[in-house]
Amino acid sequence: MTDDLKKIFDNINGLDERSMSFLIKALQKNNIEGFDYIEFKQSLKKLKSLSIENETAVNSAFATASTMGLSKEKLISSAKHYKKVLIDEKKEFEKAMQNQINQRISVKKQQSEKLASKVEELKEKVVEINQKISQYKERIDTTTKDIENAESRITETKSKFENTHKQILQEISDDIDNYSKTL
């Protein structure tokens, strides 16, 4: 069913596959029993693949869906439910992202600051300690590179997730507007 759910949003370009899988699993986990927005969207996707004009496809899909108990109110309500699921998932993602920042960056920044302090202490002891100074400087450089790499990966992941999240939310909002006007 995960692949089926992915297909209903495959008309959106530039989605991150990992973020998409994460969000689709959330939708799947919170899928409302029975025929609702998800099943309607899947039916609509199949009709559109037959090159049927959008308004006709929406009306045809709704006509069929209404025989299975779907009303306009249930369609809109379930779409809003899935929108809320995605918004909640973003909040959870942001918490996890903050934990990653705390674990991967803040700790390394503290390590780097401690090492820099030790470097200054060792400079005062001069000759014997020159070897240790260079070792700590290397560790600072490595830590700084690790921080830059971690920040870059986290920023990229966040950007991909937010782009995917934004576009899927927009798709659902557009559907809600369309169905509200069309049905």
Foldseek 3Di string as FASTA:
>chain_A
DLVLQLLLLVVDPDADPVLSSVLSVLCVVVPDPFDEQSNLSSQLSVVVVVVDDNLVSNVVSVVVVVVRVDDLVRHLVVLVVSLVSLVVVVVVVVVVLVVLCCVQAVVLVVVLVVLVVVLVVLVVVPDVCPVVNVVSVVVSVVSVVSNVVSVVVSVVVNVSNVVNSVSVSVVSVVVSVCSVVSD
